[in-house]
């Protein structure tokens, strides 16, 4: 009897495990942040700008950039969906870089920045594809968690804020950028979170990616 009961429990656990694995495989989302540490992430200058508290990455300090350097896709993404829970505080400014590469200091030279800013003096608001397709409207409030969802497929970038599409940008074929912006193009690369200035305090959690076919 005990053996039969044990086998039944084992079968249930196995079925639950398979179901979970199938759901995960079907869903396709992979976590980039463990909620406890900055393992898999790398920052150069002003590393103290980034810390982890209560399951979130806290951005608070002088200009710095936190690059994903972990094992997922060998931290190189071309077509993907990226999603994070974000919370700004009054007057804060930050950003999420895509198709970028690690650099020790300065503003990332490669890739695009998707803006995180609901009340900073910079008029480009949350969801803007910075300097290329800018958003003036404010869709979310400070001190409230919201979802920032970025989709890159081929030459198209889509940005959604709380499931509302705020940017749909298609990079022109053969476009040539101005001097200093030569690498502001779709290619492939990693993600980076921005620390903008000492007065900007921003939080990120539930950071996930879903690679898409190339």
N, C-alpha and C. Protein backbone atom coordinates (compact mmCIF):
# COMPACT_ATOMS: atom_id res chain seq x y z
N UNK A 1 0.84 -1.21 0.00
CA UNK A 1 0.00 0.00 0.00
C UNK A 1 0.88 1.27 0.00
N UNK A 2 1.90 1.25 0.89
CA UNK A 2 2.76 2.41 0.98
C UNK A 2 3.53 2.61 -0.33
N UNK A 3 3.96 1.49 -0.91
CA UNK A 3 4.69 1.58 -2.17
C UNK A 3 3.81 2.14 -3.28
N UNK A 4 2.55 1.70 -3.31
CA UNK A 4 1.60 2.19 -4.31
C UNK A 4 1.36 3.69 -4.15
N UNK A 5 1.21 4.12 -2.89
CA UNK A 5 1.00 5.54 -2.60
C UNK A 5 2.22 6.35 -3.01
N UNK A 6 3.40 5.82 -2.71
CA UNK A 6 4.64 6.50 -3.08
C UNK A 6 4.75 6.66 -4.59
N UNK A 7 4.41 5.60 -5.32
CA UNK A 7 4.47 5.65 -6.77
C UNK A 7 3.48 6.66 -7.35
N UNK A 8 2.29 6.73 -6.72
CA UNK A 8 1.27 7.67 -7.18
C UNK A 8 1.74 9.11 -6.99
N UNK A 9 2.33 9.38 -5.83
CA UNK A 9 2.84 10.73 -5.54
C UNK A 9 3.96 11.07 -6.50
N UNK A 10 4.84 10.09 -6.75
CA UNK A 10 5.95 10.31 -7.66
C UNK A 10 5.46 10.64 -9.07
N UNK A 11 4.42 9.92 -9.51
CA UNK A 11 3.85 10.16 -10.83
C UNK A 11 3.24 11.55 -10.93
N UNK A 12 2.57 11.99 -9.85
CA UNK A 12 1.97 13.32 -9.83
C UNK A 12 3.03 14.41 -9.92
N UNK A 13 4.11 14.22 -9.15
CA UNK A 13 5.21 15.19 -9.17
C UNK A 13 5.86 15.24 -10.55
N UNK A 14 6.03 14.07 -11.16
CA UNK A 14 6.62 14.01 -12.48
C UNK A 14 5.73 14.70 -13.51
N UNK A 15 4.43 14.47 -13.41
CA UNK A 15 3.49 15.10 -14.34
C UNK A 15 3.51 16.62 -14.19
N UNK A 16 3.57 17.06 -12.92
CA UNK A 16 3.61 18.51 -12.66
C UNK A 16 4.88 19.12 -13.22
N UNK A 17 6.00 18.39 -13.06
CA UNK A 17 7.28 18.87 -13.56
C UNK A 17 7.27 18.98 -15.08
N UNK A 18 6.74 17.97 -15.75
CA UNK A 18 6.65 17.98 -17.21
C UNK A 18 5.75 19.11 -17.68
N UNK A 19 4.63 19.29 -16.99
CA UNK A 19 3.69 20.36 -17.34
C UNK A 19 4.35 21.72 -17.23
N UNK A 20 5.12 21.92 -16.14
CA UNK A 20 5.80 23.19 -15.94
C UNK A 20 6.84 23.43 -17.03
N UNK A 21 7.60 22.35 -17.37
CA UNK A 21 8.63 22.47 -18.40
C UNK A 21 8.01 22.80 -19.75
N UNK A 22 6.87 22.16 -20.06
CA UNK A 22 6.20 22.43 -21.33
C UNK A 22 5.69 23.86 -21.38
N UNK A 23 5.16 24.33 -20.25
CA UNK A 23 4.66 25.71 -20.19
C UNK A 23 5.79 26.69 -20.38
N UNK A 24 6.93 26.41 -19.71
CA UNK A 24 8.08 27.29 -19.82
C UNK A 24 8.60 27.31 -21.25
N UNK A 25 8.66 26.13 -21.87
CA UNK A 25 9.13 26.03 -23.23
C UNK A 25 8.17 26.74 -24.19
N UNK A 26 6.89 26.59 -23.98
CA UNK A 26 5.88 27.23 -24.82
C UNK A 26 5.91 28.73 -24.64
N UNK A 27 6.05 29.16 -23.40
CA UNK A 27 6.06 30.58 -23.10
C UNK A 27 7.32 31.25 -23.66
N UNK A 28 8.47 30.61 -23.43
CA UNK A 28 9.71 31.07 -24.03
C UNK A 28 10.44 32.18 -23.31
N UNK A 29 9.88 32.72 -22.23
CA UNK A 29 10.51 33.82 -21.51
C UNK A 29 11.62 33.29 -20.61
N UNK A 30 12.76 34.00 -20.58
CA UNK A 30 13.91 33.63 -19.76
C UNK A 30 14.28 34.81 -18.87
N UNK A 31 14.45 34.55 -17.59
CA UNK A 31 14.82 35.61 -16.66
C UNK A 31 16.28 36.00 -16.82
N UNK A 32 16.55 37.30 -16.77
CA UNK A 32 17.92 37.81 -16.83
C UNK A 32 18.41 38.32 -15.47
N UNK A 33 17.53 38.33 -14.48
CA UNK A 33 17.85 38.90 -13.16
C UNK A 33 17.28 38.00 -12.09
N UNK A 34 18.15 37.55 -11.16
CA UNK A 34 17.72 36.58 -10.15
C UNK A 34 16.99 37.21 -8.97
N UNK A 35 16.89 38.53 -8.94
CA UNK A 35 16.17 39.20 -7.86
C UNK A 35 16.95 39.33 -6.57
N UNK A 36 18.20 38.81 -6.56
CA UNK A 36 18.99 38.82 -5.33
C UNK A 36 20.37 39.46 -5.50
N UNK A 37 20.88 39.43 -6.73
CA UNK A 37 22.25 39.90 -6.96
C UNK A 37 22.37 40.44 -8.38
N UNK A 38 23.54 40.96 -8.69
CA UNK A 38 23.82 41.44 -10.05
C UNK A 38 24.63 40.41 -10.83
N UNK A 39 24.51 39.14 -10.45
CA UNK A 39 25.17 38.07 -11.19
C UNK A 39 24.71 38.09 -12.65
N UNK A 40 25.66 38.03 -13.57
CA UNK A 40 25.33 38.08 -14.99
C UNK A 40 25.29 39.48 -15.56
N UNK A 41 25.52 40.47 -14.71
CA UNK A 41 25.51 41.86 -15.15
C UNK A 41 26.87 42.50 -14.84
N UNK A 42 27.25 43.49 -15.62
CA UNK A 42 28.57 44.11 -15.47
C UNK A 42 28.46 45.62 -15.63
N UNK A 43 29.13 46.33 -14.74
CA UNK A 43 29.14 47.78 -14.81
C UNK A 43 30.58 48.26 -14.69
N UNK A 44 30.93 49.30 -15.41
CA UNK A 44 32.28 49.84 -15.35
C UNK A 44 32.37 50.98 -14.35
N UNK A 45 32.50 52.20 -14.85
CA UNK A 45 32.65 53.37 -13.99
C UNK A 45 31.39 53.58 -13.14
N UNK A 46 31.60 54.07 -11.92
CA UNK A 46 30.51 54.42 -10.99
C UNK A 46 29.62 53.21 -10.68
N UNK A 47 30.24 52.10 -10.38
CA UNK A 47 29.49 50.86 -10.15
C UNK A 47 28.54 50.95 -8.96
N UNK A 48 28.82 51.86 -8.02
CA UNK A 48 27.95 51.99 -6.85
C UNK A 48 26.57 52.54 -7.19
N UNK A 49 26.37 53.00 -8.43
CA UNK A 49 25.06 53.50 -8.86
C UNK A 49 24.02 52.39 -8.83
N UNK A 50 24.45 51.13 -8.95
CA UNK A 50 23.52 50.00 -9.01
C UNK A 50 23.62 49.12 -7.77
N UNK A 51 22.45 48.76 -7.23
CA UNK A 51 22.38 47.85 -6.10
C UNK A 51 21.10 47.03 -6.22
N UNK A 52 20.95 46.06 -5.34
CA UNK A 52 19.75 45.22 -5.34
C UNK A 52 19.08 45.33 -3.97
N UNK A 53 17.77 45.61 -3.99
CA UNK A 53 17.01 45.72 -2.75
C UNK A 53 15.58 45.25 -3.00
N UNK A 54 15.09 44.40 -2.12
CA UNK A 54 13.70 43.92 -2.18
C UNK A 54 13.33 43.38 -3.57
N UNK A 55 14.24 42.61 -4.16
CA UNK A 55 13.95 41.96 -5.42
C UNK A 55 14.04 42.83 -6.64
N UNK A 56 14.62 44.02 -6.52
CA UNK A 56 14.71 44.95 -7.64
C UNK A 56 16.11 45.53 -7.76
N UNK A 57 16.49 45.87 -8.99
CA UNK A 57 17.72 46.63 -9.21
C UNK A 57 17.41 48.10 -8.94
N UNK A 58 18.16 48.69 -8.05
CA UNK A 58 17.98 50.10 -7.70
C UNK A 58 19.05 50.90 -8.42
N UNK A 59 18.61 51.90 -9.17
CA UNK A 59 19.53 52.79 -9.88
C UNK A 59 19.52 54.13 -9.17
N UNK A 60 20.64 54.51 -8.58
CA UNK A 60 20.70 55.76 -7.82
C UNK A 60 22.15 56.19 -7.69
N UNK A 61 22.54 57.19 -8.48
CA UNK A 61 23.92 57.65 -8.42
C UNK A 61 24.35 58.31 -9.71
N UNK A 62 25.64 58.61 -9.82
CA UNK A 62 26.13 59.28 -11.03
C UNK A 62 26.04 58.39 -12.26
N UNK A 63 26.25 58.99 -13.42
CA UNK A 63 26.10 58.28 -14.69
C UNK A 63 26.84 56.95 -14.68
N UNK A 64 26.11 55.90 -15.06
CA UNK A 64 26.69 54.56 -15.14
C UNK A 64 25.77 53.70 -15.98
N UNK A 65 26.29 52.57 -16.46
CA UNK A 65 25.47 51.66 -17.27
C UNK A 65 25.76 50.23 -16.87
N UNK A 66 24.69 49.49 -16.65
CA UNK A 66 24.75 48.11 -16.21
C UNK A 66 24.40 47.21 -17.39
N UNK A 67 25.38 46.44 -17.87
CA UNK A 67 25.24 45.64 -19.07
C UNK A 67 24.99 44.18 -18.71
N UNK A 68 24.04 43.55 -19.42
CA UNK A 68 23.84 42.12 -19.24
C UNK A 68 24.99 41.38 -19.92
N UNK A 69 25.75 40.59 -19.15
CA UNK A 69 26.90 39.84 -19.65
C UNK A 69 26.77 38.36 -19.31
N UNK A 70 25.54 37.90 -19.05
CA UNK A 70 25.30 36.55 -18.60
C UNK A 70 25.25 35.52 -19.72
N UNK A 71 24.88 34.28 -19.37
CA UNK A 71 24.96 33.17 -20.31
C UNK A 71 23.82 33.07 -21.32
N UNK A 72 22.68 33.71 -21.06
CA UNK A 72 21.54 33.57 -21.96
C UNK A 72 21.91 34.09 -23.34
N UNK A 73 21.81 33.22 -24.35
CA UNK A 73 22.16 33.58 -25.73
C UNK A 73 23.57 34.14 -25.85
N UNK A 74 24.42 33.79 -24.87
CA UNK A 74 25.78 34.34 -24.82
C UNK A 74 25.73 35.87 -24.85
N UNK A 75 24.73 36.43 -24.17
CA UNK A 75 24.44 37.88 -24.10
C UNK A 75 24.55 38.59 -25.45
N UNK A 76 24.00 37.94 -26.47
CA UNK A 76 23.94 38.56 -27.79
C UNK A 76 22.57 38.27 -28.40
N UNK A 77 21.81 39.31 -28.64
CA UNK A 77 20.42 39.16 -29.08
C UNK A 77 20.20 39.98 -30.35
N UNK A 78 19.51 39.37 -31.31
CA UNK A 78 19.17 40.06 -32.56
C UNK A 78 17.68 40.34 -32.60
N UNK A 79 16.87 39.31 -32.78
CA UNK A 79 15.42 39.44 -32.71
C UNK A 79 14.96 38.93 -31.35
N UNK A 80 14.10 39.69 -30.69
CA UNK A 80 13.74 39.32 -29.31
C UNK A 80 12.54 40.14 -28.83
N UNK A 81 12.01 39.69 -27.71
CA UNK A 81 11.12 40.49 -26.88
C UNK A 81 11.81 40.66 -25.53
N UNK A 82 11.83 41.87 -25.04
CA UNK A 82 12.40 42.20 -23.73
C UNK A 82 11.31 42.83 -22.90
N UNK A 83 11.23 42.41 -21.66
CA UNK A 83 10.18 42.94 -20.80
C UNK A 83 10.73 43.15 -19.39
N UNK A 84 10.35 44.27 -18.77
CA UNK A 84 10.76 44.53 -17.39
C UNK A 84 9.68 45.33 -16.68
N UNK A 85 9.61 45.13 -15.38
CA UNK A 85 8.79 45.98 -14.52
C UNK A 85 9.67 47.15 -14.09
N UNK A 86 9.17 48.36 -14.24
CA UNK A 86 9.95 49.57 -13.97
C UNK A 86 9.15 50.50 -13.07
N UNK A 87 9.87 51.19 -12.19
CA UNK A 87 9.22 52.24 -11.39
C UNK A 87 10.15 53.45 -11.32
N UNK A 88 9.64 54.60 -11.72
CA UNK A 88 10.39 55.85 -11.63
C UNK A 88 10.00 56.60 -10.36
N UNK A 89 10.84 57.55 -9.99
CA UNK A 89 10.51 58.47 -8.90
C UNK A 89 10.50 59.89 -9.47
N UNK A 90 9.88 60.84 -8.79
CA UNK A 90 9.76 62.19 -9.36
C UNK A 90 11.10 62.79 -9.79
N UNK A 91 11.12 63.26 -11.04
CA UNK A 91 12.30 63.91 -11.58
C UNK A 91 13.39 62.98 -12.06
N UNK A 92 13.12 61.68 -12.12
CA UNK A 92 14.17 60.73 -12.48
C UNK A 92 14.21 60.44 -13.97
N UNK A 93 15.38 59.97 -14.42
CA UNK A 93 15.63 59.68 -15.82
C UNK A 93 16.48 58.42 -15.90
N UNK A 94 16.14 57.53 -16.81
CA UNK A 94 16.92 56.32 -17.02
C UNK A 94 16.65 55.83 -18.43
N UNK A 95 17.10 54.63 -18.75
CA UNK A 95 16.86 54.10 -20.07
C UNK A 95 17.23 52.64 -20.16
N UNK A 96 16.77 51.98 -21.21
CA UNK A 96 17.09 50.60 -21.50
C UNK A 96 17.74 50.58 -22.88
N UNK A 97 18.99 50.14 -22.95
CA UNK A 97 19.70 50.06 -24.22
C UNK A 97 19.55 48.67 -24.81
N UNK A 98 19.40 48.62 -26.14
CA UNK A 98 19.32 47.35 -26.86
C UNK A 98 20.39 47.32 -27.95
N UNK A 99 20.78 46.11 -28.37
CA UNK A 99 21.79 45.93 -29.42
C UNK A 99 23.06 46.72 -29.10
N UNK A 100 23.44 46.72 -27.82
CA UNK A 100 24.61 47.48 -27.40
C UNK A 100 25.72 46.53 -26.98
N UNK A 101 26.89 47.08 -26.65
CA UNK A 101 28.04 46.33 -26.17
C UNK A 101 28.58 46.97 -24.91
N UNK A 102 29.20 46.15 -24.09
CA UNK A 102 29.80 46.68 -22.86
C UNK A 102 30.86 47.72 -23.19
N UNK A 103 30.83 48.81 -22.43
CA UNK A 103 31.91 49.77 -22.47
C UNK A 103 32.14 50.30 -21.06
N UNK A 104 33.38 50.64 -20.78
CA UNK A 104 33.78 50.96 -19.41
C UNK A 104 33.16 52.26 -18.91
N UNK A 105 33.01 53.24 -19.78
CA UNK A 105 32.54 54.55 -19.33
C UNK A 105 31.84 55.27 -20.48
N UNK A 106 31.18 56.36 -20.16
CA UNK A 106 30.51 57.17 -21.17
C UNK A 106 29.14 56.62 -21.53
N UNK A 107 28.44 57.36 -22.38
CA UNK A 107 27.14 56.92 -22.86
C UNK A 107 27.35 55.82 -23.90
N UNK A 108 26.60 54.73 -23.86
CA UNK A 108 26.80 53.65 -24.83
C UNK A 108 26.76 54.15 -26.27
N UNK A 109 27.79 53.80 -27.04
CA UNK A 109 27.90 54.29 -28.41
C UNK A 109 27.10 53.44 -29.39
N UNK A 110 26.83 52.20 -29.02
CA UNK A 110 26.20 51.26 -29.94
C UNK A 110 24.76 50.96 -29.55
N UNK A 111 23.90 50.86 -30.55
CA UNK A 111 22.52 50.47 -30.31
C UNK A 111 21.60 51.64 -30.01
N UNK A 112 20.39 51.29 -29.60
CA UNK A 112 19.34 52.28 -29.33
C UNK A 112 19.02 52.33 -27.84
N UNK A 113 18.55 53.50 -27.39
CA UNK A 113 18.06 53.66 -26.02
C UNK A 113 16.54 53.82 -26.04
N UNK A 114 15.87 53.06 -25.20
CA UNK A 114 14.43 53.25 -24.99
C UNK A 114 14.28 53.97 -23.65
N UNK A 115 13.64 55.11 -23.70
CA UNK A 115 13.61 56.04 -22.58
C UNK A 115 12.77 55.54 -21.40
N UNK A 116 13.25 55.92 -20.20
CA UNK A 116 12.52 55.72 -18.94
C UNK A 116 12.50 57.09 -18.26
N UNK A 117 11.39 57.80 -18.35
CA UNK A 117 11.33 59.18 -17.86
C UNK A 117 9.89 59.67 -17.88
N UNK A 118 9.33 59.87 -16.71
CA UNK A 118 7.95 60.36 -16.63
C UNK A 118 7.85 61.81 -16.16
N UNK A 119 8.92 62.36 -15.57
CA UNK A 119 8.79 63.73 -15.04
C UNK A 119 10.12 64.48 -15.00
N UNK A 120 11.17 63.96 -15.64
CA UNK A 120 12.45 64.67 -15.71
C UNK A 120 12.32 65.87 -16.64
N UNK A 121 13.27 66.77 -16.57
CA UNK A 121 13.21 67.97 -17.42
C UNK A 121 13.38 67.65 -18.90
N UNK A 122 13.98 66.50 -19.22
CA UNK A 122 14.06 66.07 -20.62
C UNK A 122 12.64 65.74 -21.09
N UNK A 123 12.22 66.34 -22.19
CA UNK A 123 10.83 66.18 -22.65
C UNK A 123 10.56 64.82 -23.27
N UNK A 124 11.58 64.06 -23.61
CA UNK A 124 11.38 62.74 -24.20
C UNK A 124 10.93 61.76 -23.10
N UNK A 125 9.70 61.28 -23.22
CA UNK A 125 9.09 60.50 -22.14
C UNK A 125 9.25 58.99 -22.32
N UNK A 126 8.84 58.29 -21.29
CA UNK A 126 8.94 56.83 -21.25
C UNK A 126 8.41 56.20 -22.53
N UNK A 127 9.20 55.31 -23.09
CA UNK A 127 8.83 54.62 -24.32
C UNK A 127 9.48 55.19 -25.56
N UNK A 128 10.03 56.40 -25.47
CA UNK A 128 10.69 57.01 -26.62
C UNK A 128 11.84 56.14 -27.11
N UNK A 129 11.98 56.00 -28.41
CA UNK A 129 13.20 55.47 -29.00
C UNK A 129 14.09 56.69 -29.16
N UNK A 130 14.94 56.89 -28.18
CA UNK A 130 15.55 58.19 -27.93
C UNK A 130 16.19 58.81 -29.18
N UNK A 131 15.68 60.02 -29.51
CA UNK A 131 16.16 60.86 -30.61
C UNK A 131 15.78 60.35 -32.00
N UNK A 132 15.09 59.20 -32.08
CA UNK A 132 14.70 58.66 -33.37
C UNK A 132 13.18 58.57 -33.54
N UNK A 133 12.49 58.25 -32.46
CA UNK A 133 11.02 58.25 -32.48
C UNK A 133 10.58 58.57 -31.06
N UNK A 134 10.42 59.85 -30.80
CA UNK A 134 10.22 60.32 -29.42
C UNK A 134 8.76 60.44 -29.04
N UNK A 135 8.50 60.19 -27.78
CA UNK A 135 7.14 60.24 -27.21
C UNK A 135 7.07 61.43 -26.26
N UNK A 136 6.07 62.29 -26.47
CA UNK A 136 5.87 63.44 -25.60
C UNK A 136 4.84 63.16 -24.51
N UNK A 137 3.95 62.20 -24.77
CA UNK A 137 2.87 61.90 -23.82
C UNK A 137 3.42 61.12 -22.62
N UNK A 138 2.78 61.32 -21.47
CA UNK A 138 3.12 60.57 -20.26
C UNK A 138 2.05 59.51 -20.05
N UNK A 139 2.44 58.25 -20.11
CA UNK A 139 1.48 57.15 -20.03
C UNK A 139 1.42 56.49 -18.65
N UNK A 140 2.42 56.74 -17.83
CA UNK A 140 2.46 56.12 -16.50
C UNK A 140 2.93 57.14 -15.46
N UNK A 141 2.66 56.86 -14.22
CA UNK A 141 2.98 57.80 -13.14
C UNK A 141 4.24 57.37 -12.40
N UNK A 142 4.89 58.36 -11.80
CA UNK A 142 5.99 58.06 -10.89
C UNK A 142 5.47 57.26 -9.69
N UNK A 143 6.38 56.51 -9.09
CA UNK A 143 6.08 55.73 -7.87
C UNK A 143 5.05 54.61 -8.10
N UNK A 144 4.88 54.21 -9.37
CA UNK A 144 4.00 53.09 -9.68
C UNK A 144 4.72 52.15 -10.64
N UNK A 145 4.64 50.83 -10.36
CA UNK A 145 5.25 49.86 -11.26
C UNK A 145 4.48 49.81 -12.59
N UNK A 146 5.21 49.72 -13.67
CA UNK A 146 4.60 49.55 -14.99
C UNK A 146 5.47 48.59 -15.81
N UNK A 147 4.94 48.10 -16.91
CA UNK A 147 5.67 47.17 -17.78
C UNK A 147 6.20 47.90 -19.01
N UNK A 148 7.50 47.77 -19.25
CA UNK A 148 8.11 48.29 -20.47
C UNK A 148 8.49 47.08 -21.32
N UNK A 149 7.93 47.02 -22.51
CA UNK A 149 8.02 45.83 -23.37
C UNK A 149 8.60 46.28 -24.71
N UNK A 150 9.74 45.70 -25.09
CA UNK A 150 10.45 46.08 -26.31
C UNK A 150 10.53 44.87 -27.23
N UNK A 151 10.13 45.04 -28.47
CA UNK A 151 10.17 43.95 -29.44
C UNK A 151 11.02 44.38 -30.63
N UNK A 152 11.99 43.55 -30.98
CA UNK A 152 12.81 43.80 -32.17
C UNK A 152 12.67 42.61 -33.10
N UNK A 153 12.24 42.90 -34.33
CA UNK A 153 12.07 41.86 -35.34
C UNK A 153 12.54 42.43 -36.66
N UNK A 154 13.67 41.93 -37.15
CA UNK A 154 14.23 42.48 -38.38
C UNK A 154 14.63 43.93 -38.20
N UNK A 155 14.05 44.81 -39.00
CA UNK A 155 14.37 46.24 -38.93
C UNK A 155 13.34 47.03 -38.13
N UNK A 156 12.43 46.32 -37.45
CA UNK A 156 11.35 47.00 -36.75
C UNK A 156 11.52 46.92 -35.23
N UNK A 157 11.32 48.07 -34.57
CA UNK A 157 11.33 48.15 -33.12
C UNK A 157 9.94 48.60 -32.66
N UNK A 158 9.34 47.83 -31.76
CA UNK A 158 8.05 48.18 -31.17
C UNK A 158 8.23 48.34 -29.67
N UNK A 159 7.68 49.40 -29.13
CA UNK A 159 7.74 49.65 -27.69
C UNK A 159 6.33 49.74 -27.14
N UNK A 160 6.07 48.95 -26.10
CA UNK A 160 4.76 48.97 -25.44
C UNK A 160 4.93 49.35 -23.98
N UNK A 161 4.03 50.17 -23.50
CA UNK A 161 3.97 50.54 -22.10
C UNK A 161 2.65 50.04 -21.54
N UNK A 162 2.73 49.13 -20.58
CA UNK A 162 1.50 48.50 -20.05
C UNK A 162 0.60 48.01 -21.18
N UNK A 163 1.21 47.33 -22.16
CA UNK A 163 0.51 46.71 -23.30
C UNK A 163 -0.01 47.71 -24.33
N UNK A 164 0.25 48.99 -24.12
CA UNK A 164 -0.15 50.00 -25.11
C UNK A 164 1.05 50.31 -26.01
N UNK A 165 0.88 50.16 -27.30
CA UNK A 165 1.96 50.45 -28.24
C UNK A 165 2.16 51.96 -28.35
N UNK A 166 3.39 52.42 -28.03
CA UNK A 166 3.68 53.86 -28.08
C UNK A 166 4.69 54.20 -29.17
N UNK A 167 5.43 53.20 -29.65
CA UNK A 167 6.40 53.41 -30.73
C UNK A 167 6.39 52.21 -31.66
N UNK A 168 6.36 52.48 -32.95
CA UNK A 168 6.60 51.47 -33.99
C UNK A 168 7.55 52.12 -34.99
N UNK A 169 8.78 51.71 -34.94
CA UNK A 169 9.82 52.35 -35.76
C UNK A 169 10.47 51.32 -36.66
N UNK A 170 10.57 51.63 -37.95
CA UNK A 170 11.28 50.78 -38.89
C UNK A 170 12.52 51.50 -39.36
N UNK A 171 13.67 50.89 -39.11
CA UNK A 171 14.93 51.50 -39.50
C UNK A 171 15.07 51.46 -41.03
N UNK A 172 15.32 52.60 -41.66
CA UNK A 172 15.45 52.63 -43.12
C UNK A 172 16.62 51.78 -43.61
N UNK A 173 16.44 51.14 -44.74
CA UNK A 173 17.52 50.35 -45.33
C UNK A 173 18.68 51.28 -45.73
N UNK A 174 19.88 50.86 -45.38
CA UNK A 174 21.07 51.60 -45.79
C UNK A 174 21.23 52.96 -45.15
N UNK A 175 20.53 53.21 -44.03
CA UNK A 175 20.61 54.52 -43.38
C UNK A 175 22.03 54.79 -42.89
N UNK A 176 22.45 56.06 -43.00
CA UNK A 176 23.74 56.48 -42.48
C UNK A 176 23.51 57.54 -41.41
N UNK A 177 24.05 57.28 -40.24
CA UNK A 177 23.85 58.19 -39.12
C UNK A 177 24.85 59.35 -39.17
N UNK A 178 24.53 60.40 -38.44
CA UNK A 178 25.42 61.57 -38.35
C UNK A 178 26.66 61.22 -37.54
N UNK A 179 27.66 62.07 -37.62
CA UNK A 179 28.92 61.85 -36.90
C UNK A 179 28.65 61.75 -35.40
N UNK A 180 29.20 60.74 -34.79
CA UNK A 180 28.98 60.49 -33.37
C UNK A 180 27.87 59.51 -33.10
N UNK A 181 27.04 59.28 -34.11
CA UNK A 181 25.92 58.33 -33.98
C UNK A 181 26.03 57.16 -34.96
N UNK A 182 27.23 56.92 -35.45
CA UNK A 182 27.42 55.93 -36.51
C UNK A 182 26.94 54.53 -36.10
N UNK A 183 27.01 54.21 -34.82
CA UNK A 183 26.65 52.87 -34.35
C UNK A 183 25.23 52.79 -33.80
N UNK A 184 24.46 53.85 -33.96
CA UNK A 184 23.06 53.83 -33.52
C UNK A 184 22.22 53.14 -34.58
N UNK A 185 22.42 51.83 -34.67
CA UNK A 185 21.79 51.02 -35.70
C UNK A 185 21.40 49.65 -35.12
N UNK A 186 20.44 49.01 -35.79
CA UNK A 186 20.11 47.64 -35.42
C UNK A 186 21.19 46.70 -35.96
N UNK A 187 21.63 45.82 -35.10
CA UNK A 187 22.65 44.84 -35.47
C UNK A 187 22.41 43.61 -34.61
N UNK A 188 23.09 43.51 -33.50
CA UNK A 188 22.84 42.55 -32.45
C UNK A 188 23.66 42.99 -31.25
N UNK A 189 23.34 42.50 -30.09
CA UNK A 189 24.09 42.91 -28.91
C UNK A 189 23.32 42.60 -27.65
N UNK A 190 23.74 43.24 -26.57
CA UNK A 190 23.16 42.97 -25.27
C UNK A 190 22.27 44.11 -24.82
N UNK A 191 21.82 44.03 -23.56
CA UNK A 191 20.97 45.06 -22.96
C UNK A 191 21.77 45.82 -21.90
N UNK A 192 21.38 47.05 -21.64
CA UNK A 192 22.00 47.83 -20.56
C UNK A 192 20.96 48.72 -19.91
N UNK A 193 21.08 48.86 -18.61
CA UNK A 193 20.23 49.78 -17.84
C UNK A 193 21.05 51.02 -17.51
N UNK A 194 20.41 52.16 -17.58
CA UNK A 194 21.12 53.43 -17.45
C UNK A 194 20.93 54.08 -16.08
N UNK A 195 22.07 54.52 -15.51
CA UNK A 195 22.04 55.45 -14.40
C UNK A 195 22.34 56.82 -14.98
N UNK A 196 21.41 57.74 -14.91
CA UNK A 196 21.52 59.00 -15.66
C UNK A 196 22.23 60.10 -14.90
N UNK A 197 21.87 60.28 -13.62
CA UNK A 197 22.44 61.35 -12.81
C UNK A 197 22.15 61.07 -11.34
N UNK A 198 22.86 61.71 -10.42
CA UNK A 198 22.70 61.41 -8.98
C UNK A 198 21.30 61.62 -8.43
N UNK A 199 20.49 62.46 -9.06
CA UNK A 199 19.16 62.73 -8.55
C UNK A 199 18.10 61.76 -9.09
N UNK A 200 18.50 60.90 -10.03
CA UNK A 200 17.54 59.99 -10.64
C UNK A 200 17.56 58.64 -9.93
N UNK A 201 16.41 58.27 -9.35
CA UNK A 201 16.26 56.99 -8.66
C UNK A 201 15.19 56.19 -9.39
N UNK A 202 15.58 55.04 -9.93
CA UNK A 202 14.69 54.21 -10.73
C UNK A 202 14.87 52.75 -10.32
N UNK A 203 13.79 51.96 -10.43
CA UNK A 203 13.81 50.56 -10.03
C UNK A 203 13.42 49.66 -11.21
N UNK A 204 14.11 48.51 -11.31
CA UNK A 204 13.82 47.50 -12.33
C UNK A 204 13.68 46.14 -11.67
N UNK A 205 12.69 45.36 -12.09
CA UNK A 205 12.57 43.98 -11.62
C UNK A 205 11.89 43.13 -12.71
N UNK A 206 11.84 41.82 -12.46
CA UNK A 206 11.21 40.89 -13.42
C UNK A 206 11.72 41.14 -14.83
N UNK A 207 13.04 41.17 -14.97
CA UNK A 207 13.67 41.45 -16.27
C UNK A 207 13.76 40.14 -17.05
N UNK A 208 13.13 40.10 -18.22
CA UNK A 208 13.03 38.86 -18.98
C UNK A 208 13.26 39.11 -20.47
N UNK A 209 13.67 38.05 -21.15
CA UNK A 209 13.84 38.11 -22.60
C UNK A 209 13.22 36.86 -23.22
N UNK A 210 12.72 37.02 -24.42
CA UNK A 210 12.24 35.89 -25.21
C UNK A 210 12.89 36.00 -26.58
N UNK A 211 13.95 35.22 -26.84
CA UNK A 211 14.58 35.27 -28.16
C UNK A 211 13.60 34.86 -29.25
N UNK A 212 13.68 35.54 -30.39
CA UNK A 212 12.83 35.23 -31.54
C UNK A 212 13.69 34.73 -32.69
N UNK A 213 13.09 33.98 -33.61
CA UNK A 213 13.87 33.44 -34.74
C UNK A 213 14.50 34.56 -35.56
N UNK A 214 15.69 34.28 -36.06
CA UNK A 214 16.39 35.28 -36.89
C UNK A 214 16.07 35.06 -38.36
